[in-house]
Amino acid sequence: MLNPGSKGRESPLIKCLCTGVAAALFYFLLAPQPVQAYIDPGTGGMIIQGLIALLAGSLAMLGIFWKRVTLSIKKLFKRTGSASDETEGADTDKT
């Protein structure tokens, strides 16, 4: 916390703590460390099966709500009638 008379200066303790935390984060997150990890074929199969199920479920939901999806997309890209009426009215006045 800053004292009212410090005019925005940090105390040396806070500066030291910030430097220490930054150094620790750098060491633990960015420095390479050897790990003992193995994903067996069963785990890989489960991951692939989950991705296939996600794709199948998404396609099924899209198929169920296809009409709503297409109507929403048409509404999104539909031109407003007032703008087209103004341009058509301007063309008929010139002729």
C-alpha atoms as a PDB file:
ATOM      1  CA  MET A   1       0.000   0.000   0.000  1.00  0.00           C
ATOM      2  CA  LEU A   2       1.317   3.437  -0.852  1.00  0.00           C
ATOM      3  CA  ASN A   3       1.714   6.096   1.781  1.00  0.00           C
ATOM      4  CA  PRO A   4       0.115   9.439   0.974  1.00  0.00           C
ATOM      5  CA  GLY A   5       3.488  11.190   1.137  1.00  0.00           C
ATOM      6  CA  SER A   6       5.395   8.684  -1.041  1.00  0.00           C
ATOM      7  CA  LYS A   7       4.241  10.226  -4.376  1.00  0.00           C
ATOM      8  CA  GLY A   8       3.925   6.877  -6.203  1.00  0.00           C
ATOM      9  CA  ARG A   9       7.211   5.283  -5.136  1.00  0.00           C
ATOM     10  CA  GLU A  10       7.252   1.616  -4.191  1.00  0.00           C
ATOM     11  CA  SER A  11       8.969   0.444  -1.070  1.00  0.00           C
ATOM     12  CA  PRO A  12      12.138  -1.654  -1.515  1.00  0.00           C
ATOM     13  CA  LEU A  13      10.409  -4.644   0.122  1.00  0.00           C
ATOM     14  CA  ILE A  14       7.609  -4.703  -2.467  1.00  0.00           C
ATOM     15  CA  LYS A  15      10.097  -4.323  -5.306  1.00  0.00           C
ATOM     16  CA  CYS A  16      12.166  -7.214  -3.953  1.00  0.00           C
ATOM     17  CA  LEU A  17       9.071  -9.423  -3.553  1.00  0.00           C
ATOM     18  CA  CYS A  18       7.916  -8.687  -7.116  1.00  0.00           C
ATOM     19  CA  THR A  19      11.354  -9.551  -8.474  1.00  0.00           C
ATOM     20  CA  GLY A  20      11.434 -12.801  -6.502  1.00  0.00           C
ATOM     21  CA  VAL A  21       7.971 -13.857  -7.658  1.00  0.00           C
ATOM     22  CA  ALA A  22       8.846 -13.087 -11.294  1.00  0.00           C
ATOM     23  CA  ALA A  23      12.064 -15.117 -11.026  1.00  0.00           C
ATOM     24  CA  ALA A  24      10.231 -18.075  -9.474  1.00  0.00           C
ATOM     25  CA  LEU A  25       7.567 -18.004 -12.194  1.00  0.00           C
ATOM     26  CA  PHE A  26      10.247 -17.898 -14.859  1.00  0.00           C
ATOM     27  CA  TYR A  27      12.067 -20.854 -13.347  1.00  0.00           C
ATOM     28  CA  PHE A  28       9.035 -23.096 -12.814  1.00  0.00           C
ATOM     29  CA  LEU A  29       7.130 -22.259 -15.997  1.00  0.00           C
ATOM     30  CA  LEU A  30       9.768 -21.622 -18.627  1.00  0.00           C
ATOM     31  CA  ALA A  31      12.774 -23.686 -17.594  1.00  0.00           C
ATOM     32  CA  PRO A  32      12.691 -27.211 -19.087  1.00  0.00           C
ATOM     33  CA  GLN A  33      12.459 -29.989 -16.539  1.00  0.00           C
ATOM     34  CA  PRO A  34      12.439 -33.744 -17.112  1.00  0.00           C
ATOM     35  CA  VAL A  35       9.099 -35.415 -16.441  1.00  0.00           C
ATOM     36  CA  GLN A  36       7.926 -38.997 -16.188  1.00  0.00           C
ATOM     37  CA  ALA A  37       4.766 -39.087 -18.288  1.00  0.00           C
ATOM     38  CA  TYR A  38       3.216 -41.788 -20.448  1.00  0.00           C
ATOM     39  CA  ILE A  39      -0.102 -42.025 -22.236  1.00  0.00           C
ATOM     40  CA  ASP A  40      -0.943 -45.642 -22.928  1.00  0.00           C
ATOM     41  CA  PRO A  41      -2.988 -46.714 -25.980  1.00  0.00           C
ATOM     42  CA  GLY A  42      -6.141 -47.041 -23.873  1.00  0.00           C
ATOM     43  CA  THR A  43      -5.990 -43.385 -22.850  1.00  0.00           C
ATOM     44  CA  GLY A  44      -5.318 -42.292 -26.426  1.00  0.00           C
ATOM     45  CA  GLY A  45      -8.293 -44.336 -27.579  1.00  0.00           C
ATOM     46  CA  MET A  46     -10.517 -42.710 -24.976  1.00  0.00           C
ATOM     47  CA  ILE A  47      -9.451 -39.237 -26.128  1.00  0.00           C
ATOM     48  CA  ILE A  48     -10.176 -40.099 -29.773  1.00  0.00           C
ATOM     49  CA  GLN A  49     -13.521 -41.658 -28.813  1.00  0.00           C
ATOM     50  CA  GLY A  50     -14.479 -38.493 -26.920  1.00  0.00           C
ATOM     51  CA  LEU A  51     -13.615 -36.297 -29.897  1.00  0.00           C
ATOM     52  CA  ILE A  52     -15.662 -38.497 -32.240  1.00  0.00           C
ATOM     53  CA  ALA A  53     -18.606 -38.368 -29.803  1.00  0.00           C
ATOM     54  CA  LEU A  54     -18.337 -34.586 -29.645  1.00  0.00           C
ATOM     55  CA  LEU A  55     -18.408 -34.346 -33.431  1.00  0.00           C
ATOM     56  CA  ALA A  56     -21.348 -36.759 -33.721  1.00  0.00           C
ATOM     57  CA  GLY A  57     -23.322 -34.927 -31.046  1.00  0.00           C
ATOM     58  CA  SER A  58     -22.690 -31.562 -32.685  1.00  0.00           C
ATOM     59  CA  LEU A  59     -23.848 -32.860 -36.067  1.00  0.00           C
ATOM     60  CA  ALA A  60     -26.942 -34.418 -34.480  1.00  0.00           C
ATOM     61  CA  MET A  61     -27.877 -31.134 -32.782  1.00  0.00           C
ATOM     62  CA  LEU A  62     -27.323 -29.268 -36.035  1.00  0.00           C
ATOM     63  CA  GLY A  63     -29.593 -31.773 -37.828  1.00  0.00           C
ATOM     64  CA  ILE A  64     -32.320 -31.433 -35.206  1.00  0.00           C
ATOM     65  CA  PHE A  65     -32.318 -27.647 -35.224  1.00  0.00           C
ATOM     66  CA  TRP A  66     -31.429 -27.168 -38.914  1.00  0.00           C
ATOM     67  CA  LYS A  67     -34.525 -25.126 -39.711  1.00  0.00           C
ATOM     68  CA  ARG A  68     -33.920 -22.727 -36.815  1.00  0.00           C
ATOM     69  CA  VAL A  69     -30.260 -22.355 -37.744  1.00  0.00           C
ATOM     70  CA  THR A  70     -30.996 -21.552 -41.385  1.00  0.00           C
ATOM     71  CA  LEU A  71     -33.735 -19.064 -40.457  1.00  0.00           C
ATOM     72  CA  SER A  72     -31.384 -17.327 -38.019  1.00  0.00           C
ATOM     73  CA  ILE A  73     -28.669 -17.068 -40.663  1.00  0.00           C
ATOM     74  CA  LYS A  74     -31.160 -15.744 -43.219  1.00  0.00           C
ATOM     75  CA  LYS A  75     -32.375 -13.127 -40.726  1.00  0.00           C
ATOM     76  CA  LEU A  76     -28.800 -12.123 -40.002  1.00  0.00           C
ATOM     77  CA  PHE A  77     -27.933 -11.507 -43.647  1.00  0.00           C
ATOM     78  CA  LYS A  78     -31.362 -10.277 -44.797  1.00  0.00           C
ATOM     79  CA  ARG A  79     -31.447  -6.745 -46.141  1.00  0.00           C
ATOM     80  CA  THR A  80     -33.837  -4.337 -44.553  1.00  0.00           C
ATOM     81  CA  GLY A  81     -36.869  -3.471 -46.677  1.00  0.00           C
ATOM     82  CA  SER A  82     -36.699   0.285 -46.044  1.00  0.00           C
ATOM     83  CA  ALA A  83     -33.290   0.702 -47.688  1.00  0.00           C
ATOM     84  CA  SER A  84     -34.329  -1.171 -50.824  1.00  0.00           C
ATOM     85  CA  ASP A  85     -37.612   0.778 -51.029  1.00  0.00           C
ATOM     86  CA  GLU A  86     -35.747   4.088 -50.910  1.00  0.00           C
ATOM     87  CA  THR A  87     -33.431   3.114 -53.758  1.00  0.00           C
ATOM     88  CA  GLU A  88     -36.294   1.828 -55.854  1.00  0.00           C
ATOM     89  CA  GLY A  89     -38.264   5.016 -55.247  1.00  0.00           C
ATOM     90  CA  ALA A  90     -35.300   7.142 -56.294  1.00  0.00           C
ATOM     91  CA  ASP A  91     -34.981   5.202 -59.546  1.00  0.00           C
ATOM     92  CA  THR A  92     -38.652   5.682 -60.472  1.00  0.00           C
ATOM     93  CA  ASP A  93     -38.511   9.437 -59.847  1.00  0.00           C
ATOM     94  CA  LYS A  94     -35.713   9.897 -62.404  1.00  0.00           C
ATOM     95  CA  THR A  95     -37.616   8.206 -65.262  1.00  0.00           C
END
